[in-house]
């Protein structure tokens, strides 16, 4: 069974203060400036089990004022989450600034080997629990331009697909319309 999800989004900006009149609109870093953040992930919860992985952020390693944001995560109960986001110029550094063109690209894959489903509607009960594999994949590409510190134009494409499989008969999801 395949499911297609279409998402429409609205972006809101809340201004806490006005930038000073002399604030620069330059988003670039000084030549040779690089930043690397690495955060290990170790956690536990009843749905995921023991989770382990790595979150890392690379800034300006290609000397293009770009950033790579990477998440690699696995768990003992079967979650596999891999995500990479590439931004040029870096998303955070261009906030509140005027910039000619920016690109944001992301790939997000989050496989659940033992995903729980309890039925449809308010009458669903815990003892109706079914387990199957759920495999969502999301790809997006967004172009934007900063017209002022407060106005940004964006255009992009997003592709999302969710594969559901390994159903144990009788499986409620196989009987429902997509």
N, C-alpha and C. Protein backbone atom coordinates (compact mmCIF):
# COMPACT_ATOMS: atom_id res chain seq x y z
N UNK A 1 0.85 -1.17 0.00
CA UNK A 1 0.00 0.00 0.00
C UNK A 1 0.90 1.23 0.00
N UNK A 2 0.65 2.15 -0.90
CA UNK A 2 1.39 3.39 -0.95
C UNK A 2 0.48 4.54 -0.55
N UNK A 3 1.05 5.50 0.13
CA UNK A 3 0.31 6.69 0.54
C UNK A 3 1.05 7.90 0.03
N UNK A 4 0.32 8.90 -0.40
CA UNK A 4 0.93 10.13 -0.86
C UNK A 4 0.42 11.26 0.02
N UNK A 5 1.33 12.03 0.55
CA UNK A 5 0.99 13.12 1.43
C UNK A 5 1.42 14.43 0.78
N UNK A 6 0.52 15.37 0.66
CA UNK A 6 0.82 16.67 0.10
C UNK A 6 0.79 17.68 1.24
N UNK A 7 1.84 18.46 1.36
CA UNK A 7 1.94 19.42 2.45
C UNK A 7 2.02 20.83 1.88
N UNK A 8 1.15 21.69 2.35
CA UNK A 8 1.23 23.11 2.05
C UNK A 8 1.71 23.80 3.31
N UNK A 9 2.62 24.72 3.18
CA UNK A 9 3.15 25.35 4.38
C UNK A 9 3.05 26.87 4.30
N UNK A 10 3.02 27.47 5.45
CA UNK A 10 2.98 28.91 5.59
C UNK A 10 4.10 29.29 6.53
N UNK A 11 4.90 30.23 6.12
CA UNK A 11 6.04 30.66 6.93
C UNK A 11 5.72 32.02 7.52
N UNK A 12 5.90 32.16 8.80
CA UNK A 12 5.64 33.43 9.48
C UNK A 12 6.94 33.94 10.09
N UNK A 13 7.11 35.23 10.07
CA UNK A 13 8.29 35.86 10.66
C UNK A 13 7.82 36.80 11.76
N UNK A 14 8.37 36.63 12.94
CA UNK A 14 8.05 37.50 14.06
C UNK A 14 9.29 38.34 14.33
N UNK A 15 9.17 39.64 14.22
CA UNK A 15 10.30 40.54 14.41
C UNK A 15 10.32 41.00 15.87
N UNK A 16 11.44 40.74 16.53
CA UNK A 16 11.59 41.14 17.92
C UNK A 16 12.19 42.54 18.00
N UNK A 17 13.10 42.87 17.08
CA UNK A 17 13.70 44.20 17.05
C UNK A 17 14.10 44.54 15.62
N UNK A 18 14.22 45.80 15.33
CA UNK A 18 14.69 46.24 14.03
C UNK A 18 16.21 46.25 14.03
N UNK A 19 16.84 45.77 12.96
CA UNK A 19 18.29 45.84 12.90
C UNK A 19 18.73 47.31 12.83
N UNK A 20 19.90 47.54 13.35
CA UNK A 20 20.40 48.91 13.33
C UNK A 20 20.61 49.36 11.89
N UNK A 21 20.49 50.68 11.61
CA UNK A 21 20.60 51.17 10.23
C UNK A 21 21.92 50.82 9.55
N UNK A 22 22.97 50.67 10.30
CA UNK A 22 24.28 50.38 9.71
C UNK A 22 24.57 48.91 9.54
N UNK A 23 23.60 48.03 9.82
CA UNK A 23 23.84 46.60 9.74
C UNK A 23 24.13 46.18 8.30
N UNK A 24 25.13 45.33 8.15
CA UNK A 24 25.53 44.87 6.82
C UNK A 24 24.54 43.83 6.27
N UNK A 25 24.46 43.75 4.97
CA UNK A 25 23.63 42.73 4.33
C UNK A 25 24.51 41.58 3.83
N UNK A 26 25.80 41.63 4.07
CA UNK A 26 26.73 40.59 3.63
C UNK A 26 26.55 39.34 4.49
N UNK A 27 26.31 38.19 3.86
CA UNK A 27 26.15 36.94 4.61
C UNK A 27 27.42 36.10 4.61
N UNK A 28 28.43 36.50 3.86
CA UNK A 28 29.62 35.65 3.71
C UNK A 28 30.49 35.68 4.96
N UNK A 29 31.24 34.60 5.13
CA UNK A 29 32.16 34.46 6.24
C UNK A 29 33.53 34.99 5.84
N UNK A 30 34.35 35.39 6.81
CA UNK A 30 35.74 35.73 6.47
C UNK A 30 36.41 34.53 5.81
N UNK A 31 37.28 34.78 4.86
CA UNK A 31 37.94 33.71 4.10
C UNK A 31 38.59 32.71 5.04
N UNK A 32 38.38 31.42 4.75
CA UNK A 32 38.99 30.35 5.53
C UNK A 32 38.27 30.00 6.82
N UNK A 33 37.22 30.73 7.18
CA UNK A 33 36.48 30.41 8.41
C UNK A 33 35.64 29.16 8.20
N UNK A 34 35.82 28.19 9.08
CA UNK A 34 35.06 26.95 9.01
C UNK A 34 34.56 26.60 10.40
N UNK A 35 33.47 25.85 10.42
CA UNK A 35 32.91 25.43 11.70
C UNK A 35 32.43 24.00 11.58
N UNK A 36 32.70 23.21 12.60
CA UNK A 36 32.25 21.83 12.66
C UNK A 36 31.65 21.58 14.04
N UNK A 37 30.40 21.12 14.06
CA UNK A 37 29.75 20.72 15.31
C UNK A 37 29.38 19.25 15.17
N UNK A 38 29.73 18.45 16.17
CA UNK A 38 29.40 17.03 16.17
C UNK A 38 28.77 16.72 17.51
N UNK A 39 27.60 16.09 17.47
CA UNK A 39 26.88 15.74 18.68
C UNK A 39 26.50 14.27 18.62
N UNK A 40 27.01 13.46 19.54
CA UNK A 40 26.58 12.06 19.57
C UNK A 40 25.15 11.97 20.11
N UNK A 41 24.41 10.98 19.64
CA UNK A 41 23.04 10.76 20.10
C UNK A 41 23.00 9.42 20.82
N UNK A 42 22.50 9.44 22.04
CA UNK A 42 22.28 8.22 22.80
C UNK A 42 21.02 8.45 23.63
N UNK A 43 20.00 7.63 23.41
CA UNK A 43 18.73 7.85 24.10
C UNK A 43 17.97 6.54 24.23
N UNK A 44 16.91 6.60 25.03
CA UNK A 44 16.02 5.45 25.17
C UNK A 44 14.59 5.95 25.32
N UNK A 45 13.67 5.30 24.64
CA UNK A 45 12.25 5.45 24.94
C UNK A 45 11.56 4.14 24.57
N UNK A 46 10.33 3.98 25.04
CA UNK A 46 9.65 2.69 24.88
C UNK A 46 9.30 2.36 23.43
N UNK A 47 9.09 3.37 22.59
CA UNK A 47 8.76 3.12 21.19
C UNK A 47 9.99 2.81 20.35
N UNK A 48 11.07 3.50 20.59
CA UNK A 48 12.27 3.40 19.75
C UNK A 48 13.29 2.41 20.32
N UNK A 49 13.27 2.21 21.63
CA UNK A 49 14.29 1.39 22.28
C UNK A 49 15.52 2.23 22.53
N UNK A 50 16.67 1.59 22.47
CA UNK A 50 17.94 2.31 22.63
C UNK A 50 18.30 2.92 21.28
N UNK A 51 18.42 4.23 21.25
CA UNK A 51 18.76 4.92 20.02
C UNK A 51 20.18 5.44 20.09
N UNK A 52 20.86 5.38 18.98
CA UNK A 52 22.25 5.86 18.93
C UNK A 52 22.51 6.45 17.55
N UNK A 53 23.38 7.42 17.51
CA UNK A 53 23.68 8.03 16.23
C UNK A 53 24.57 9.23 16.37
N UNK A 54 24.50 10.08 15.34
CA UNK A 54 25.38 11.24 15.26
C UNK A 54 24.67 12.36 14.54
N UNK A 55 24.78 13.55 15.08
CA UNK A 55 24.28 14.78 14.45
C UNK A 55 25.50 15.65 14.20
N UNK A 56 25.68 16.07 12.97
CA UNK A 56 26.85 16.91 12.67
C UNK A 56 26.44 18.07 11.77
N UNK A 57 27.22 19.13 11.87
CA UNK A 57 26.97 20.35 11.11
C UNK A 57 28.31 20.86 10.60
N UNK A 58 28.40 21.03 9.29
CA UNK A 58 29.62 21.52 8.65
C UNK A 58 29.32 22.87 8.02
N UNK A 59 30.09 23.88 8.35
CA UNK A 59 29.87 25.23 7.81
C UNK A 59 31.10 25.68 7.04
N UNK A 60 30.91 26.02 5.78
CA UNK A 60 31.91 26.64 4.92
C UNK A 60 33.12 25.75 4.61
N UNK A 61 32.93 24.44 4.54
CA UNK A 61 34.05 23.56 4.20
C UNK A 61 34.39 23.57 2.72
N UNK A 62 33.49 24.09 1.87
CA UNK A 62 33.77 24.25 0.44
C UNK A 62 34.13 25.70 0.11
N UNK A 63 34.24 26.54 1.13
CA UNK A 63 34.52 27.98 0.98
C UNK A 63 33.48 28.69 0.11
N UNK A 64 32.21 28.26 0.22
CA UNK A 64 31.11 28.86 -0.52
C UNK A 64 30.04 29.42 0.42
N UNK A 65 30.36 29.54 1.72
CA UNK A 65 29.41 29.99 2.74
C UNK A 65 28.23 29.03 2.85
N UNK A 66 28.48 27.75 2.58
CA UNK A 66 27.45 26.71 2.59
C UNK A 66 27.43 25.98 3.92
N UNK A 67 26.38 25.18 4.10
CA UNK A 67 26.34 24.31 5.28
C UNK A 67 25.77 22.95 4.90
N UNK A 68 26.27 21.94 5.58
CA UNK A 68 25.75 20.58 5.50
C UNK A 68 25.30 20.20 6.91
N UNK A 69 24.08 19.75 7.03
CA UNK A 69 23.55 19.30 8.31
C UNK A 69 23.22 17.82 8.13
N UNK A 70 23.78 16.96 8.96
CA UNK A 70 23.68 15.52 8.76
C UNK A 70 23.21 14.84 10.04
N UNK A 71 22.22 13.94 9.92
CA UNK A 71 21.76 13.12 11.04
C UNK A 71 21.83 11.66 10.60
N UNK A 72 22.49 10.84 11.41
CA UNK A 72 22.54 9.39 11.20
C UNK A 72 22.07 8.75 12.50
N UNK A 73 20.98 7.98 12.44
CA UNK A 73 20.38 7.45 13.67
C UNK A 73 19.84 6.05 13.44
N UNK A 74 20.09 5.17 14.39
CA UNK A 74 19.55 3.81 14.40
C UNK A 74 19.02 3.51 15.79
N UNK A 75 18.15 2.51 15.90
CA UNK A 75 17.67 2.13 17.23
C UNK A 75 17.51 0.62 17.33
N UNK A 76 17.44 0.17 18.57
CA UNK A 76 17.32 -1.27 18.82
C UNK A 76 15.96 -1.83 18.42
N UNK A 77 14.94 -0.98 18.30
CA UNK A 77 13.61 -1.45 17.88
C UNK A 77 13.33 -1.16 16.41
N UNK A 78 14.36 -0.85 15.65
CA UNK A 78 14.22 -0.83 14.21
C UNK A 78 14.00 0.49 13.53
N UNK A 79 14.27 1.63 14.18
CA UNK A 79 14.18 2.89 13.45
C UNK A 79 15.52 3.17 12.79
N UNK A 80 15.45 3.61 11.54
CA UNK A 80 16.63 4.00 10.78
C UNK A 80 16.34 5.37 10.20
N UNK A 81 16.97 6.43 10.72
CA UNK A 81 16.70 7.79 10.28
C UNK A 81 17.98 8.40 9.75
N UNK A 82 17.95 8.83 8.49
CA UNK A 82 19.10 9.46 7.85
C UNK A 82 18.61 10.73 7.17
N UNK A 83 19.25 11.84 7.48
CA UNK A 83 18.83 13.12 6.92
C UNK A 83 20.05 13.97 6.60
N UNK A 84 20.01 14.61 5.43
CA UNK A 84 21.05 15.56 5.05
C UNK A 84 20.37 16.80 4.49
N UNK A 85 20.86 17.95 4.92
CA UNK A 85 20.36 19.23 4.44
C UNK A 85 21.56 20.04 3.97
N UNK A 86 21.47 20.54 2.75
CA UNK A 86 22.53 21.39 2.18
C UNK A 86 21.94 22.77 1.92
N UNK A 87 22.61 23.80 2.40
CA UNK A 87 22.15 25.18 2.18
C UNK A 87 23.31 26.04 1.72
N UNK A 88 23.03 26.88 0.72
CA UNK A 88 24.04 27.82 0.24
C UNK A 88 23.35 29.13 -0.12
N UNK A 89 23.63 30.24 0.52
CA UNK A 89 24.43 30.34 1.73
C UNK A 89 23.69 29.69 2.90
N UNK A 90 24.42 29.47 3.98
CA UNK A 90 23.86 28.82 5.16
C UNK A 90 22.56 29.48 5.59
N UNK A 91 21.57 28.66 5.92
CA UNK A 91 20.23 29.11 6.28
C UNK A 91 20.24 30.11 7.45
N UNK A 92 20.96 29.79 8.49
CA UNK A 92 20.98 30.66 9.68
C UNK A 92 21.69 31.98 9.41
N UNK A 93 22.75 31.96 8.65
CA UNK A 93 23.53 33.18 8.41
C UNK A 93 22.80 34.19 7.53
N UNK A 94 21.84 33.72 6.73
CA UNK A 94 21.14 34.66 5.85
C UNK A 94 19.87 35.23 6.47
N UNK A 95 19.50 34.81 7.66
CA UNK A 95 18.29 35.31 8.29
C UNK A 95 18.40 36.81 8.58
N UNK A 96 17.37 37.55 8.20
CA UNK A 96 17.34 39.00 8.44
C UNK A 96 18.24 39.79 7.52
N UNK A 97 18.68 39.17 6.42
CA UNK A 97 19.62 39.83 5.52
C UNK A 97 19.06 39.87 4.09
N UNK A 98 19.61 40.74 3.29
CA UNK A 98 19.31 40.78 1.86
C UNK A 98 20.32 39.87 1.17
N UNK A 99 19.83 38.98 0.31
CA UNK A 99 20.74 38.09 -0.42
C UNK A 99 20.15 37.83 -1.80
N UNK A 100 21.01 37.63 -2.82
CA UNK A 100 20.52 37.49 -4.19
C UNK A 100 19.82 36.16 -4.47
N UNK A 101 20.38 35.05 -4.06
CA UNK A 101 19.79 33.75 -4.34
C UNK A 101 20.33 32.74 -3.33
N UNK A 102 19.46 31.86 -2.86
CA UNK A 102 19.87 30.80 -1.93
C UNK A 102 19.24 29.49 -2.37
N UNK A 103 19.90 28.41 -2.02
CA UNK A 103 19.44 27.07 -2.35
C UNK A 103 19.43 26.23 -1.09
N UNK A 104 18.33 25.54 -0.85
CA UNK A 104 18.23 24.58 0.25
C UNK A 104 17.76 23.26 -0.34
N UNK A 105 18.52 22.20 -0.09
CA UNK A 105 18.15 20.87 -0.58
C UNK A 105 18.19 19.91 0.59
N UNK A 106 17.20 19.01 0.67
CA UNK A 106 17.21 18.05 1.77
C UNK A 106 16.71 16.69 1.32
N UNK A 107 17.25 15.68 1.97
CA UNK A 107 16.83 14.28 1.81
C UNK A 107 16.58 13.76 3.22
N UNK A 108 15.39 13.21 3.45
CA UNK A 108 15.01 12.72 4.77
C UNK A 108 14.40 11.33 4.61
N UNK A 109 15.08 10.32 5.16
CA UNK A 109 14.65 8.92 5.09
C UNK A 109 14.50 8.41 6.52
N UNK A 110 13.34 7.88 6.88
CA UNK A 110 13.08 7.49 8.26
C UNK A 110 12.33 6.15 8.30
N UNK A 111 13.06 5.06 8.18
CA UNK A 111 12.45 3.72 8.12
C UNK A 111 12.17 3.20 9.54
N UNK A 112 10.92 2.73 9.73
CA UNK A 112 10.52 2.07 10.98
C UNK A 112 10.25 0.61 10.65
N UNK A 113 11.08 -0.29 11.13
CA UNK A 113 10.93 -1.71 10.81
C UNK A 113 9.72 -2.31 11.54
N UNK A 114 9.45 -1.85 12.76
CA UNK A 114 8.29 -2.34 13.52
C UNK A 114 7.42 -1.15 13.92
N UNK A 115 6.64 -0.64 12.95
CA UNK A 115 5.78 0.51 13.17
C UNK A 115 4.42 0.04 13.69
N UNK A 116 3.89 0.67 14.74
CA UNK A 116 2.63 0.24 15.35
C UNK A 116 1.45 1.00 14.79
N UNK A 117 0.38 0.26 14.53
CA UNK A 117 -0.89 0.82 14.05
C UNK A 117 -2.00 0.24 14.91
N UNK A 118 -2.88 1.10 15.43
CA UNK A 118 -3.92 0.67 16.36
C UNK A 118 -5.33 0.73 15.78
N UNK A 119 -5.48 1.06 14.51
CA UNK A 119 -6.81 1.13 13.91
C UNK A 119 -7.17 2.55 13.55
N UNK A 120 -8.40 2.72 13.08
CA UNK A 120 -8.89 4.01 12.61
C UNK A 120 -10.06 4.44 13.49
N UNK A 121 -10.02 5.67 13.96
CA UNK A 121 -11.15 6.22 14.71
C UNK A 121 -11.02 6.10 16.21
N UNK A 122 -11.99 6.68 16.90
CA UNK A 122 -11.97 6.73 18.36
C UNK A 122 -12.22 5.38 19.02
N UNK A 123 -12.80 4.45 18.30
CA UNK A 123 -13.10 3.13 18.88
C UNK A 123 -11.89 2.19 18.85
N UNK A 124 -10.75 2.64 18.34
CA UNK A 124 -9.55 1.81 18.26
C UNK A 124 -9.05 1.47 19.67
N UNK A 125 -8.56 0.25 19.82
CA UNK A 125 -8.07 -0.20 21.12
C UNK A 125 -6.64 -0.70 20.99
N UNK A 126 -5.94 -0.71 22.11
CA UNK A 126 -4.55 -1.17 22.13
C UNK A 126 -4.44 -2.63 21.68
N UNK A 127 -5.42 -3.46 22.02
CA UNK A 127 -5.35 -4.86 21.65
C UNK A 127 -5.57 -5.10 20.15
N UNK A 128 -5.86 -4.03 19.39
CA UNK A 128 -5.97 -4.12 17.93
C UNK A 128 -4.64 -3.80 17.25
N UNK A 129 -3.60 -3.67 18.02
CA UNK A 129 -2.29 -3.26 17.51
C UNK A 129 -1.80 -4.20 16.41
N UNK A 130 -1.37 -3.59 15.30
CA UNK A 130 -0.75 -4.32 14.20
C UNK A 130 0.62 -3.71 13.97
N UNK A 131 1.56 -4.50 13.52
CA UNK A 131 2.92 -4.03 13.30
C UNK A 131 3.29 -4.28 11.85
N UNK A 132 3.90 -3.29 11.22
CA UNK A 132 4.35 -3.40 9.84
C UNK A 132 5.57 -2.49 9.65
N UNK A 133 6.14 -2.49 8.47
CA UNK A 133 7.29 -1.63 8.18
C UNK A 133 6.80 -0.39 7.44
N UNK A 134 7.25 0.75 7.92
CA UNK A 134 6.88 2.05 7.33
C UNK A 134 8.16 2.74 6.89
N UNK A 135 8.16 3.22 5.64
CA UNK A 135 9.38 3.76 5.07
C UNK A 135 9.10 5.07 4.32
N UNK A 136 9.10 6.21 5.04
CA UNK A 136 8.90 7.49 4.37
C UNK A 136 10.21 8.05 3.80
N UNK A 137 10.09 8.70 2.65
CA UNK A 137 11.21 9.39 2.02
C UNK A 137 10.71 10.75 1.56
N UNK A 138 11.42 11.80 1.94
CA UNK A 138 11.07 13.17 1.55
C UNK A 138 12.27 13.84 0.92
N UNK A 139 12.06 14.43 -0.25
CA UNK A 139 13.09 15.18 -0.96
C UNK A 139 12.56 16.58 -1.20
N UNK A 140 13.38 17.59 -0.99
CA UNK A 140 12.92 18.95 -1.27
C UNK A 140 14.07 19.80 -1.80
N UNK A 141 13.68 20.77 -2.62
CA UNK A 141 14.61 21.71 -3.21
C UNK A 141 13.92 23.07 -3.21
N UNK A 142 14.53 24.05 -2.56
CA UNK A 142 13.93 25.38 -2.42
C UNK A 142 14.93 26.44 -2.85
N UNK A 143 14.48 27.35 -3.72
CA UNK A 143 15.26 28.53 -4.09
C UNK A 143 14.62 29.73 -3.41
N UNK A 144 15.43 30.64 -2.91
CA UNK A 144 14.87 31.81 -2.24
C UNK A 144 15.74 33.03 -2.52
N UNK A 145 15.13 34.20 -2.27
CA UNK A 145 15.83 35.47 -2.42
C UNK A 145 15.38 36.37 -1.28
N UNK A 146 16.35 37.02 -0.63
CA UNK A 146 16.05 37.97 0.44
C UNK A 146 15.92 39.36 -0.15
N UNK A 147 14.69 39.88 -0.22
CA UNK A 147 14.46 41.20 -0.79
C UNK A 147 14.76 42.30 0.23
N UNK A 148 14.55 42.00 1.49
CA UNK A 148 14.89 42.92 2.58
C UNK A 148 15.15 42.06 3.80
N UNK A 149 15.43 42.69 4.93
CA UNK A 149 15.63 41.93 6.15
C UNK A 149 14.36 41.26 6.64
N UNK A 150 13.21 41.67 6.09
CA UNK A 150 11.93 41.13 6.54
C UNK A 150 11.14 40.41 5.45
N UNK A 151 11.56 40.49 4.18
CA UNK A 151 10.80 39.89 3.08
C UNK A 151 11.67 38.93 2.28
N UNK A 152 11.20 37.70 2.18
CA UNK A 152 11.91 36.67 1.44
C UNK A 152 10.93 36.01 0.48
N UNK A 153 11.36 35.80 -0.76
CA UNK A 153 10.56 35.05 -1.72
C UNK A 153 11.13 33.65 -1.86
N UNK A 154 10.25 32.64 -1.92
CA UNK A 154 10.70 31.26 -2.03
C UNK A 154 9.87 30.51 -3.07
N UNK A 155 10.53 29.61 -3.78
CA UNK A 155 9.86 28.70 -4.69
C UNK A 155 10.57 27.36 -4.55
N UNK A 156 9.80 26.30 -4.55
CA UNK A 156 10.45 25.02 -4.38
C UNK A 156 9.59 23.86 -4.80
N UNK A 157 10.20 22.69 -4.77
CA UNK A 157 9.51 21.45 -5.06
C UNK A 157 9.76 20.48 -3.90
N UNK A 158 8.76 19.67 -3.65
CA UNK A 158 8.86 18.66 -2.58
C UNK A 158 8.27 17.37 -3.09
N UNK A 159 8.97 16.28 -2.87
CA UNK A 159 8.47 14.96 -3.20
C UNK A 159 8.47 14.13 -1.93
N UNK A 160 7.36 13.51 -1.63
CA UNK A 160 7.27 12.65 -0.47
C UNK A 160 6.53 11.37 -0.81
N UNK A 161 7.05 10.27 -0.34
CA UNK A 161 6.40 8.99 -0.55
C UNK A 161 6.55 8.17 0.73
N UNK A 162 5.52 7.39 1.04
CA UNK A 162 5.57 6.50 2.20
C UNK A 162 5.25 5.10 1.72
N UNK A 163 6.19 4.19 1.90
CA UNK A 163 5.95 2.78 1.58
C UNK A 163 5.59 2.06 2.86
N UNK A 164 4.54 1.29 2.84
CA UNK A 164 4.13 0.46 3.96
C UNK A 164 4.14 -0.99 3.47
N UNK A 165 4.81 -1.89 4.22
CA UNK A 165 4.89 -3.28 3.80
C UNK A 165 5.16 -4.19 4.99
N UNK A 166 5.29 -5.48 4.74
CA UNK A 166 5.47 -6.52 5.76
C UNK A 166 4.26 -6.59 6.69
N UNK A 167 3.06 -6.51 6.12
CA UNK A 167 1.83 -6.64 6.90
C UNK A 167 1.63 -8.10 7.30
N UNK A 168 1.12 -8.31 8.51
CA UNK A 168 0.77 -9.65 8.98
C UNK A 168 -0.74 -9.81 8.84
N UNK A 169 -1.21 -10.79 8.05
CA UNK A 169 -2.66 -10.93 7.84
C UNK A 169 -3.38 -11.30 9.15
N UNK A 170 -4.59 -10.87 9.35
CA UNK A 170 -5.33 -9.92 8.52
C UNK A 170 -4.94 -8.50 8.90
N UNK A 171 -4.50 -7.72 7.96
CA UNK A 171 -4.00 -6.37 8.21
C UNK A 171 -5.06 -5.34 7.81
N UNK A 172 -5.43 -4.51 8.77
CA UNK A 172 -6.47 -3.48 8.54
C UNK A 172 -6.06 -2.53 7.42
N UNK A 173 -4.80 -2.14 7.39
CA UNK A 173 -4.36 -1.16 6.38
C UNK A 173 -4.47 -1.68 4.95
N UNK A 174 -4.37 -2.98 4.76
CA UNK A 174 -4.51 -3.51 3.40
C UNK A 174 -5.96 -3.49 2.91
N UNK A 175 -6.90 -3.35 3.84
CA UNK A 175 -8.32 -3.32 3.49
C UNK A 175 -8.85 -1.91 3.26
N UNK A 176 -8.13 -0.88 3.70
CA UNK A 176 -8.57 0.50 3.57
C UNK A 176 -8.21 1.06 2.20
N UNK A 177 -9.02 2.02 1.74
CA UNK A 177 -8.70 2.71 0.51
C UNK A 177 -7.52 3.65 0.74
N UNK A 178 -6.66 3.83 -0.27
CA UNK A 178 -5.50 4.73 -0.09
C UNK A 178 -5.94 6.14 0.24
